[in-house]
Amino acid sequence: MTASAADGRTALFRRTAGRFPTGVTVVTTVSDGEPYGMTANAFMTVSLDPLLVAVGIGLGARGHDRVLRSGRFAVTVLSDRQTGTARRFADPARPVGAAAFAADDWTAGPATGCPVLPDGVGWFDCSVRDAHPAGDHTLVIGRVEDFGPLTGERPLVFVDGSFTAPDTSFSPSGPPGARIGART
């Protein structure tokens, strides 16, 4: 296959996969004493016993080695009011360390100390259980140490290269506004 054909195939794959709506998260860690965050939509729950989640992190992402080196991460599922947050943490030119969090409230996850953004709709505080090479990404499996719902807002959704939200008839289940660190 020529380079041009491969590029075309990659572009078609991205367009096709982009038709699948995903939630939008910010994955955070603390590495070398500094908080770090990145936007990710490759997130899923894996197991109920034990509680496991997975996130796909690109090999070239600045957070890749930070998460693996620290052995811990938190995931905040973003609300539809957090498109700015999603864009900031996806920007390759964003600052690193505490400066990256200047526009967002955050609190330390109770189990790992990794930043959780309380304006999201839910959070998971995790320790790295496994990491599996997966092409140009690493699939990081996290053991969920603590978790909970946050606001009663609608979740942020990404589809066809754009942010959106469920229609206004969507109503989240369960109690909104659970405190971070409160057992659910």
N, C-alpha and C. Protein backbone atom coordinates (compact mmCIF):
# COMPACT_ATOMS: atom_id res chain seq x y z
N MET A 1 0.84 -1.17 0.00
CA MET A 1 0.00 0.00 0.00
C MET A 1 0.89 1.24 0.00
N THR A 2 0.57 2.20 -0.83
CA THR A 2 1.35 3.43 -0.89
C THR A 2 1.07 4.28 0.35
N ALA A 3 1.97 5.23 0.61
CA ALA A 3 1.79 6.13 1.76
C ALA A 3 0.49 6.92 1.60
N SER A 4 0.20 7.35 0.38
CA SER A 4 -1.02 8.12 0.13
C SER A 4 -2.26 7.27 0.41
N ALA A 5 -2.24 6.02 -0.02
CA ALA A 5 -3.38 5.13 0.23
C ALA A 5 -3.52 4.85 1.73
N ALA A 6 -2.40 4.67 2.42
CA ALA A 6 -2.45 4.43 3.86
C ALA A 6 -3.01 5.65 4.59
N ASP A 7 -2.59 6.85 4.17
CA ASP A 7 -3.12 8.08 4.78
C ASP A 7 -4.62 8.19 4.56
N GLY A 8 -5.06 7.85 3.36
CA GLY A 8 -6.49 7.89 3.05
C GLY A 8 -7.28 6.88 3.88
N ARG A 9 -6.70 5.70 4.04
CA ARG A 9 -7.36 4.67 4.85
C ARG A 9 -7.45 5.11 6.32
N THR A 10 -6.37 5.71 6.82
CA THR A 10 -6.37 6.21 8.20
C THR A 10 -7.43 7.29 8.37
N ALA A 11 -7.51 8.21 7.44
CA ALA A 11 -8.50 9.28 7.51
C ALA A 11 -9.92 8.71 7.47
N LEU A 12 -10.16 7.73 6.61
CA LEU A 12 -11.48 7.10 6.52
C LEU A 12 -11.81 6.37 7.83
N PHE A 13 -10.81 5.70 8.40
CA PHE A 13 -11.03 5.01 9.68
C PHE A 13 -11.43 6.01 10.76
N ARG A 14 -10.70 7.13 10.83
CA ARG A 14 -11.01 8.15 11.84
C ARG A 14 -12.42 8.71 11.64
N ARG A 15 -12.81 8.97 10.40
CA ARG A 15 -14.17 9.49 10.13
C ARG A 15 -15.23 8.46 10.52
N THR A 16 -14.97 7.20 10.18
CA THR A 16 -15.93 6.15 10.50
C THR A 16 -16.05 5.95 12.01
N ALA A 17 -14.90 5.84 12.69
CA ALA A 17 -14.92 5.68 14.16
C ALA A 17 -15.53 6.89 14.84
N GLY A 18 -15.37 8.07 14.25
CA GLY A 18 -15.91 9.30 14.81
C GLY A 18 -17.42 9.33 14.83
N ARG A 19 -18.06 8.42 14.10
CA ARG A 19 -19.53 8.34 14.10
C ARG A 19 -20.04 7.71 15.39
N PHE A 20 -19.15 7.07 16.16
CA PHE A 20 -19.54 6.45 17.42
C PHE A 20 -19.45 7.49 18.52
N PRO A 21 -20.56 7.88 19.12
CA PRO A 21 -20.52 8.89 20.18
C PRO A 21 -19.78 8.35 21.41
N THR A 22 -18.95 9.19 22.00
CA THR A 22 -18.25 8.82 23.22
C THR A 22 -18.44 9.91 24.25
N GLY A 23 -18.25 9.54 25.50
CA GLY A 23 -18.18 10.52 26.56
C GLY A 23 -16.83 11.22 26.48
N VAL A 24 -16.70 12.29 27.22
CA VAL A 24 -15.45 13.05 27.25
C VAL A 24 -14.97 13.10 28.69
N THR A 25 -13.70 12.77 28.89
CA THR A 25 -13.13 12.75 30.23
C THR A 25 -11.85 13.57 30.27
N VAL A 26 -11.46 13.92 31.47
CA VAL A 26 -10.10 14.41 31.71
C VAL A 26 -9.45 13.38 32.63
N VAL A 27 -8.33 12.85 32.16
CA VAL A 27 -7.54 11.88 32.93
C VAL A 27 -6.41 12.66 33.57
N THR A 28 -6.23 12.47 34.88
CA THR A 28 -5.21 13.23 35.61
C THR A 28 -4.29 12.28 36.37
N THR A 29 -3.14 12.80 36.71
CA THR A 29 -2.21 12.08 37.57
C THR A 29 -1.39 13.11 38.34
N VAL A 30 -0.59 12.63 39.24
CA VAL A 30 0.41 13.45 39.91
C VAL A 30 1.73 12.74 39.67
N SER A 31 2.64 13.43 39.03
CA SER A 31 3.93 12.85 38.68
C SER A 31 5.02 13.84 39.07
N ASP A 32 6.02 13.36 39.78
CA ASP A 32 7.11 14.22 40.26
C ASP A 32 6.57 15.42 41.04
N GLY A 33 5.49 15.20 41.79
CA GLY A 33 4.91 16.24 42.63
C GLY A 33 4.04 17.25 41.91
N GLU A 34 3.86 17.10 40.60
CA GLU A 34 3.08 18.05 39.81
C GLU A 34 1.81 17.40 39.28
N PRO A 35 0.65 18.12 39.35
CA PRO A 35 -0.55 17.58 38.74
C PRO A 35 -0.45 17.65 37.22
N TYR A 36 -1.09 16.71 36.55
CA TYR A 36 -1.09 16.68 35.10
C TYR A 36 -2.46 16.20 34.63
N GLY A 37 -2.97 16.77 33.54
CA GLY A 37 -4.26 16.35 33.00
C GLY A 37 -4.28 16.35 31.49
N MET A 38 -5.12 15.48 30.93
CA MET A 38 -5.29 15.40 29.48
C MET A 38 -6.71 14.93 29.17
N THR A 39 -7.27 15.44 28.09
CA THR A 39 -8.59 15.03 27.64
C THR A 39 -8.48 13.66 26.99
N ALA A 40 -9.46 12.80 27.27
CA ALA A 40 -9.49 11.47 26.66
C ALA A 40 -10.94 11.05 26.45
N ASN A 41 -11.22 10.46 25.30
CA ASN A 41 -12.54 9.87 25.11
C ASN A 41 -12.45 8.36 24.97
N ALA A 42 -11.24 7.82 25.04
CA ALA A 42 -11.05 6.36 25.02
C ALA A 42 -11.06 5.86 26.46
N PHE A 43 -12.25 5.80 27.04
CA PHE A 43 -12.43 5.40 28.43
C PHE A 43 -13.59 4.42 28.48
N MET A 44 -13.46 3.40 29.33
CA MET A 44 -14.58 2.47 29.50
C MET A 44 -14.48 1.76 30.83
N THR A 45 -15.63 1.29 31.31
CA THR A 45 -15.62 0.42 32.47
C THR A 45 -15.28 -0.98 31.97
N VAL A 46 -14.59 -1.76 32.81
CA VAL A 46 -14.12 -3.08 32.40
C VAL A 46 -14.74 -4.19 33.25
N SER A 47 -14.81 -4.00 34.56
CA SER A 47 -15.23 -5.09 35.44
C SER A 47 -15.92 -4.53 36.69
N LEU A 48 -16.89 -5.29 37.18
CA LEU A 48 -17.55 -4.96 38.44
C LEU A 48 -16.93 -5.68 39.63
N ASP A 49 -16.22 -6.79 39.37
CA ASP A 49 -15.61 -7.55 40.45
C ASP A 49 -14.28 -8.12 39.99
N PRO A 50 -13.18 -7.42 40.24
CA PRO A 50 -13.08 -6.17 40.97
C PRO A 50 -13.49 -4.98 40.09
N LEU A 51 -13.65 -3.82 40.71
CA LEU A 51 -14.00 -2.61 39.96
C LEU A 51 -12.79 -2.18 39.13
N LEU A 52 -12.94 -2.21 37.79
CA LEU A 52 -11.86 -1.84 36.89
C LEU A 52 -12.38 -0.92 35.80
N VAL A 53 -11.55 0.04 35.39
CA VAL A 53 -11.80 0.88 34.23
C VAL A 53 -10.56 0.83 33.34
N ALA A 54 -10.71 1.31 32.11
CA ALA A 54 -9.57 1.37 31.20
C ALA A 54 -9.59 2.70 30.47
N VAL A 55 -8.39 3.18 30.17
CA VAL A 55 -8.23 4.39 29.36
C VAL A 55 -7.12 4.13 28.36
N GLY A 56 -7.35 4.55 27.12
CA GLY A 56 -6.33 4.45 26.08
C GLY A 56 -5.53 5.74 26.04
N ILE A 57 -4.21 5.62 26.17
CA ILE A 57 -3.34 6.81 26.16
C ILE A 57 -2.35 6.67 25.02
N GLY A 58 -2.31 7.65 24.14
CA GLY A 58 -1.39 7.64 23.00
C GLY A 58 0.06 7.60 23.45
N LEU A 59 0.87 6.85 22.73
CA LEU A 59 2.28 6.73 23.07
C LEU A 59 2.98 8.09 23.05
N GLY A 60 2.54 8.99 22.19
CA GLY A 60 3.16 10.30 22.08
C GLY A 60 2.58 11.34 23.02
N ALA A 61 1.56 10.98 23.79
CA ALA A 61 0.93 11.94 24.71
C ALA A 61 1.88 12.26 25.86
N ARG A 62 1.91 13.53 26.26
CA ARG A 62 2.77 13.93 27.38
C ARG A 62 2.41 13.19 28.66
N GLY A 63 1.16 12.78 28.80
CA GLY A 63 0.73 12.11 30.01
C GLY A 63 1.03 10.62 30.04
N HIS A 64 1.38 10.05 28.91
CA HIS A 64 1.59 8.60 28.83
C HIS A 64 2.56 8.11 29.89
N ASP A 65 3.78 8.59 29.86
CA ASP A 65 4.79 8.13 30.81
C ASP A 65 4.48 8.60 32.23
N ARG A 66 3.85 9.76 32.36
CA ARG A 66 3.52 10.27 33.69
C ARG A 66 2.56 9.31 34.43
N VAL A 67 1.52 8.85 33.72
CA VAL A 67 0.56 7.94 34.34
C VAL A 67 1.24 6.62 34.70
N LEU A 68 2.01 6.07 33.77
CA LEU A 68 2.66 4.79 34.03
C LEU A 68 3.69 4.89 35.15
N ARG A 69 4.44 5.98 35.16
CA ARG A 69 5.46 6.17 36.19
C ARG A 69 4.84 6.37 37.58
N SER A 70 3.74 7.11 37.65
CA SER A 70 3.12 7.39 38.94
C SER A 70 2.34 6.19 39.48
N GLY A 71 1.81 5.37 38.57
CA GLY A 71 1.03 4.21 39.00
C GLY A 71 -0.36 4.56 39.50
N ARG A 72 -0.84 5.77 39.17
CA ARG A 72 -2.15 6.21 39.65
C ARG A 72 -2.73 7.23 38.68
N PHE A 73 -4.05 7.30 38.65
CA PHE A 73 -4.73 8.30 37.83
C PHE A 73 -6.16 8.45 38.31
N ALA A 74 -6.75 9.58 37.95
CA ALA A 74 -8.17 9.83 38.19
C ALA A 74 -8.81 10.17 36.86
N VAL A 75 -10.09 9.87 36.75
CA VAL A 75 -10.86 10.19 35.55
C VAL A 75 -12.06 11.01 36.00
N THR A 76 -12.25 12.17 35.38
CA THR A 76 -13.46 12.95 35.59
C THR A 76 -14.25 12.92 34.29
N VAL A 77 -15.50 12.47 34.37
CA VAL A 77 -16.41 12.49 33.23
C VAL A 77 -16.97 13.91 33.16
N LEU A 78 -16.76 14.58 32.02
CA LEU A 78 -17.12 15.99 31.92
C LEU A 78 -18.61 16.22 31.67
N SER A 79 -19.08 17.38 32.13
CA SER A 79 -20.46 17.80 31.87
C SER A 79 -20.51 18.62 30.58
N ASP A 80 -21.72 18.82 30.08
CA ASP A 80 -21.87 19.59 28.84
C ASP A 80 -21.51 21.06 29.01
N ARG A 81 -21.24 21.49 30.24
CA ARG A 81 -20.79 22.87 30.49
C ARG A 81 -19.26 22.97 30.49
N GLN A 82 -18.58 21.88 30.18
CA GLN A 82 -17.12 21.86 30.27
C GLN A 82 -16.41 21.69 28.93
N THR A 83 -16.99 22.22 27.87
CA THR A 83 -16.29 22.13 26.58
C THR A 83 -14.97 22.88 26.63
N GLY A 84 -14.93 24.01 27.32
CA GLY A 84 -13.68 24.76 27.46
C GLY A 84 -12.62 23.93 28.17
N THR A 85 -13.01 23.23 29.20
CA THR A 85 -12.09 22.35 29.92
C THR A 85 -11.57 21.26 29.00
N ALA A 86 -12.47 20.64 28.25
CA ALA A 86 -12.07 19.58 27.32
C ALA A 86 -11.07 20.10 26.30
N ARG A 87 -11.33 21.28 25.76
CA ARG A 87 -10.42 21.86 24.76
C ARG A 87 -9.07 22.22 25.38
N ARG A 88 -9.10 22.80 26.58
CA ARG A 88 -7.83 23.18 27.24
C ARG A 88 -6.94 21.96 27.48
N PHE A 89 -7.51 20.89 28.02
CA PHE A 89 -6.70 19.72 28.34
C PHE A 89 -6.35 18.88 27.11
N ALA A 90 -6.93 19.22 25.95
CA ALA A 90 -6.56 18.56 24.70
C ALA A 90 -5.51 19.36 23.92
N ASP A 91 -5.29 20.60 24.29
CA ASP A 91 -4.38 21.48 23.57
C ASP A 91 -2.93 21.09 23.84
N PRO A 92 -2.18 20.69 22.80
CA PRO A 92 -0.79 20.29 23.03
C PRO A 92 0.08 21.43 23.55
N ALA A 93 -0.36 22.68 23.39
CA ALA A 93 0.42 23.82 23.86
C ALA A 93 0.04 24.26 25.27
N ARG A 94 -0.82 23.49 25.95
CA ARG A 94 -1.26 23.87 27.30
C ARG A 94 -0.07 23.85 28.25
N PRO A 95 -0.16 24.63 29.31
CA PRO A 95 0.92 24.59 30.31
C PRO A 95 0.91 23.25 31.04
N VAL A 96 2.00 22.96 31.71
CA VAL A 96 2.08 21.74 32.51
C VAL A 96 2.02 22.11 33.99
N GLY A 97 1.81 21.12 34.82
CA GLY A 97 1.77 21.35 36.25
C GLY A 97 0.53 22.10 36.68
N ALA A 98 0.59 22.75 37.81
CA ALA A 98 -0.55 23.44 38.41
C ALA A 98 -1.13 24.51 37.48
N ALA A 99 -0.30 25.12 36.64
CA ALA A 99 -0.78 26.16 35.72
C ALA A 99 -1.85 25.62 34.76
N ALA A 100 -1.80 24.34 34.43
CA ALA A 100 -2.79 23.75 33.53
C ALA A 100 -4.17 23.70 34.16
N PHE A 101 -4.24 23.76 35.49
CA PHE A 101 -5.51 23.66 36.21
C PHE A 101 -6.03 25.02 36.67
N ALA A 102 -5.38 26.11 36.27
CA ALA A 102 -5.73 27.44 36.77
C ALA A 102 -7.17 27.84 36.48
N ALA A 103 -7.75 27.39 35.38
CA ALA A 103 -9.11 27.78 35.01
C ALA A 103 -10.17 26.82 35.54
N ASP A 104 -9.77 25.77 36.23
CA ASP A 104 -10.72 24.75 36.69
C ASP A 104 -10.55 24.48 38.18
N ASP A 105 -11.66 24.40 38.89
CA ASP A 105 -11.60 23.94 40.27
C ASP A 105 -11.23 22.47 40.26
N TRP A 106 -10.46 22.06 41.25
CA TRP A 106 -10.16 20.64 41.38
C TRP A 106 -9.87 20.32 42.83
N THR A 107 -10.01 19.06 43.14
CA THR A 107 -9.71 18.57 44.47
C THR A 107 -8.94 17.26 44.31
N ALA A 108 -8.15 16.93 45.29
CA ALA A 108 -7.36 15.70 45.24
C ALA A 108 -8.25 14.49 45.48
N GLY A 109 -8.13 13.49 44.61
CA GLY A 109 -8.85 12.24 44.81
C GLY A 109 -8.42 11.63 46.15
N PRO A 110 -9.37 11.07 46.89
CA PRO A 110 -9.07 10.60 48.24
C PRO A 110 -8.09 9.42 48.31
N ALA A 111 -8.03 8.60 47.28
CA ALA A 111 -7.14 7.43 47.32
C ALA A 111 -5.78 7.71 46.73
N THR A 112 -5.73 8.53 45.68
CA THR A 112 -4.47 8.71 44.94
C THR A 112 -3.90 10.12 45.01
N GLY A 113 -4.73 11.09 45.35
CA GLY A 113 -4.29 12.48 45.33
C GLY A 113 -4.33 13.10 43.94
N CYS A 114 -4.75 12.34 42.93
CA CYS A 114 -4.83 12.87 41.57
C CYS A 114 -6.01 13.84 41.46
N PRO A 115 -5.87 14.90 40.66
CA PRO A 115 -6.94 15.89 40.54
C PRO A 115 -8.26 15.32 40.02
N VAL A 116 -9.34 15.69 40.68
CA VAL A 116 -10.71 15.41 40.25
C VAL A 116 -11.38 16.77 40.05
N LEU A 117 -12.08 16.94 38.93
CA LEU A 117 -12.74 18.20 38.61
C LEU A 117 -14.20 18.13 39.06
N PRO A 118 -14.57 18.80 40.15
CA PRO A 118 -15.89 18.64 40.74
C PRO A 118 -17.05 19.16 39.89
N ASP A 119 -16.78 19.87 38.80
CA ASP A 119 -17.84 20.34 37.92
C ASP A 119 -18.24 19.28 36.90
N GLY A 120 -17.58 18.11 36.94
CA GLY A 120 -17.93 17.01 36.04
C GLY A 120 -19.19 16.30 36.52
N VAL A 121 -19.52 15.19 35.86
CA VAL A 121 -20.72 14.44 36.23
C VAL A 121 -20.39 13.17 37.02
N GLY A 122 -19.12 12.77 37.04
CA GLY A 122 -18.72 11.59 37.79
C GLY A 122 -17.20 11.49 37.82
N TRP A 123 -16.68 10.68 38.75
CA TRP A 123 -15.23 10.56 38.90
C TRP A 123 -14.85 9.15 39.36
N PHE A 124 -13.63 8.77 39.00
CA PHE A 124 -13.04 7.49 39.37
C PHE A 124 -11.60 7.75 39.79
N ASP A 125 -11.22 7.28 40.95
CA ASP A 125 -9.86 7.45 41.48
C ASP A 125 -9.21 6.06 41.44
N CYS A 126 -8.11 5.92 40.69
CA CYS A 126 -7.62 4.60 40.33
C CYS A 126 -6.12 4.40 40.56
N SER A 127 -5.76 3.17 40.83
CA SER A 127 -4.36 2.77 40.80
C SER A 127 -4.16 1.91 39.54
N VAL A 128 -3.02 2.06 38.90
CA VAL A 128 -2.74 1.30 37.68
C VAL A 128 -2.59 -0.17 38.05
N ARG A 129 -3.38 -1.01 37.43
CA ARG A 129 -3.30 -2.46 37.65
C ARG A 129 -2.49 -3.12 36.55
N ASP A 130 -2.73 -2.73 35.30
CA ASP A 130 -2.04 -3.31 34.15
C ASP A 130 -1.90 -2.25 33.07
N ALA A 131 -0.95 -2.47 32.19
CA ALA A 131 -0.79 -1.62 31.00
C ALA A 131 -0.47 -2.55 29.83
N HIS A 132 -1.24 -2.42 28.75
CA HIS A 132 -1.11 -3.30 27.60
C HIS A 132 -0.82 -2.49 26.35
N PRO A 133 0.29 -2.77 25.65
CA PRO A 133 0.55 -2.10 24.38
C PRO A 133 -0.60 -2.40 23.42
N ALA A 134 -1.04 -1.36 22.71
CA ALA A 134 -2.13 -1.50 21.75
C ALA A 134 -1.88 -0.57 20.58
N GLY A 135 -1.01 -0.99 19.66
CA GLY A 135 -0.68 -0.16 18.50
C GLY A 135 0.01 1.11 18.93
N ASP A 136 -0.55 2.27 18.56
CA ASP A 136 0.06 3.55 18.91
C ASP A 136 -0.45 4.09 20.23
N HIS A 137 -1.10 3.25 21.03
CA HIS A 137 -1.61 3.60 22.35
C HIS A 137 -1.20 2.54 23.37
N THR A 138 -1.39 2.86 24.63
CA THR A 138 -1.31 1.89 25.71
C THR A 138 -2.67 1.86 26.37
N LEU A 139 -3.21 0.66 26.55
CA LEU A 139 -4.46 0.51 27.26
C LEU A 139 -4.11 0.33 28.74
N VAL A 140 -4.46 1.33 29.54
CA VAL A 140 -4.13 1.33 30.95
C VAL A 140 -5.37 0.88 31.73
N ILE A 141 -5.23 -0.21 32.47
CA ILE A 141 -6.32 -0.73 33.29
C ILE A 141 -6.12 -0.19 34.70
N GLY A 142 -7.16 0.42 35.23
CA GLY A 142 -7.10 0.98 36.58
C GLY A 142 -8.02 0.26 37.54
N ARG A 143 -7.51 -0.05 38.71
CA ARG A 143 -8.35 -0.57 39.79
C ARG A 143 -8.99 0.64 40.46
N VAL A 144 -10.31 0.67 40.48
CA VAL A 144 -11.04 1.81 41.03
C VAL A 144 -10.98 1.73 42.56
N GLU A 145 -10.33 2.72 43.14
CA GLU A 145 -10.17 2.78 44.59
C GLU A 145 -11.31 3.56 45.24
N ASP A 146 -11.86 4.54 44.52
CA ASP A 146 -12.97 5.35 45.00
C ASP A 146 -13.64 5.96 43.78
N PHE A 147 -14.88 6.38 43.92
CA PHE A 147 -15.63 6.91 42.78
C PHE A 147 -16.90 7.56 43.26
N GLY A 148 -17.59 8.25 42.37
CA GLY A 148 -18.90 8.79 42.71
C GLY A 148 -19.45 9.72 41.65
N PRO A 149 -20.76 9.96 41.72
CA PRO A 149 -21.38 10.96 40.84
C PRO A 149 -21.02 12.35 41.35
N LEU A 150 -21.14 13.33 40.48
CA LEU A 150 -20.88 14.72 40.87
C LEU A 150 -22.14 15.54 40.61
N THR A 151 -22.11 16.42 39.63
CA THR A 151 -23.24 17.31 39.37
C THR A 151 -24.38 16.55 38.70
N GLY A 152 -25.53 17.17 38.66
CA GLY A 152 -26.68 16.62 37.96
C GLY A 152 -26.79 17.14 36.53
N GLU A 153 -25.68 17.66 36.00
CA GLU A 153 -25.66 18.19 34.63
C GLU A 153 -25.70 17.04 33.61
N ARG A 154 -25.92 17.39 32.37
CA ARG A 154 -25.85 16.40 31.29
C ARG A 154 -24.39 16.15 30.96
N PRO A 155 -24.03 14.92 30.55
CA PRO A 155 -22.64 14.63 30.19
C PRO A 155 -22.27 15.26 28.85
N LEU A 156 -21.00 15.55 28.69
CA LEU A 156 -20.47 16.03 27.42
C LEU A 156 -20.23 14.82 26.52
N VAL A 157 -20.61 14.94 25.26
CA VAL A 157 -20.49 13.86 24.28
C VAL A 157 -19.68 14.37 23.10
N PHE A 158 -18.89 13.49 22.50
CA PHE A 158 -18.09 13.83 21.32
C PHE A 158 -18.49 12.89 20.20
N VAL A 159 -18.89 13.46 19.05
CA VAL A 159 -19.27 12.68 17.89
C VAL A 159 -19.03 13.50 16.63
N ASP A 160 -18.55 12.86 15.59
CA ASP A 160 -18.27 13.52 14.30
C ASP A 160 -17.40 14.75 14.47
N GLY A 161 -16.44 14.70 15.38
CA GLY A 161 -15.49 15.78 15.57
C GLY A 161 -16.03 16.98 16.32
N SER A 162 -17.21 16.84 16.94
CA SER A 162 -17.82 17.96 17.65
C SER A 162 -18.31 17.54 19.03
N PHE A 163 -18.37 18.52 19.92
CA PHE A 163 -18.95 18.30 21.24
C PHE A 163 -20.46 18.51 21.16
N THR A 164 -21.19 17.74 21.93
CA THR A 164 -22.63 17.88 22.03
C THR A 164 -23.06 17.34 23.39
N ALA A 165 -24.35 17.24 23.60
CA ALA A 165 -24.89 16.68 24.84
C ALA A 165 -26.18 15.96 24.51
N PRO A 166 -26.63 15.06 25.39
CA PRO A 166 -27.95 14.46 25.18
C PRO A 166 -29.00 15.55 25.13
N ASP A 167 -30.14 15.26 24.51
CA ASP A 167 -31.18 16.29 24.44
C ASP A 167 -31.66 16.67 25.84
N THR A 168 -32.41 17.74 25.90
CA THR A 168 -32.79 18.31 27.19
C THR A 168 -33.71 17.40 28.00
N SER A 169 -34.26 16.35 27.40
CA SER A 169 -35.10 15.43 28.17
C SER A 169 -34.26 14.47 29.01
N PHE A 170 -32.93 14.44 28.76
CA PHE A 170 -32.06 13.56 29.53
C PHE A 170 -32.02 14.02 30.98
N SER A 171 -32.19 13.06 31.87
CA SER A 171 -32.11 13.35 33.30
C SER A 171 -31.22 12.30 33.94
N PRO A 172 -30.09 12.71 34.55
CA PRO A 172 -29.20 11.72 35.14
C PRO A 172 -29.88 11.00 36.30
N SER A 173 -29.52 9.74 36.48
CA SER A 173 -30.08 8.99 37.59
C SER A 173 -29.19 9.14 38.81
N GLY A 174 -29.77 8.94 39.94
CA GLY A 174 -28.99 8.99 41.18
C GLY A 174 -28.84 10.39 41.70
N PRO A 175 -28.27 10.47 42.88
CA PRO A 175 -28.14 11.77 43.53
C PRO A 175 -27.02 12.60 42.93
N PRO A 176 -27.30 13.82 42.48
CA PRO A 176 -26.24 14.68 42.00
C PRO A 176 -25.46 15.25 43.17
N GLY A 177 -24.27 15.70 42.88
CA GLY A 177 -23.50 16.45 43.87
C GLY A 177 -22.92 15.62 44.99
N ALA A 178 -22.64 14.35 44.78
CA ALA A 178 -22.02 13.56 45.83
C ALA A 178 -20.64 14.15 46.15
N ARG A 179 -20.29 14.15 47.39
CA ARG A 179 -18.99 14.66 47.79
C ARG A 179 -17.89 13.71 47.32
N ILE A 180 -16.79 14.29 46.91
CA ILE A 180 -15.63 13.47 46.57
C ILE A 180 -15.12 12.86 47.86
N GLY A 181 -14.93 11.57 47.83
CA GLY A 181 -14.45 10.87 49.01
C GLY A 181 -15.58 10.23 49.81
N ALA A 182 -16.82 10.57 49.49
CA ALA A 182 -17.95 9.93 50.17
C ALA A 182 -18.19 8.58 49.52
N ARG A 183 -18.27 7.55 50.28
CA ARG A 183 -18.50 6.21 49.74
C ARG A 183 -19.89 6.13 49.14
N THR A 184 -19.95 5.49 47.96
CA THR A 184 -21.24 5.32 47.29
C THR A 184 -21.66 3.88 47.31
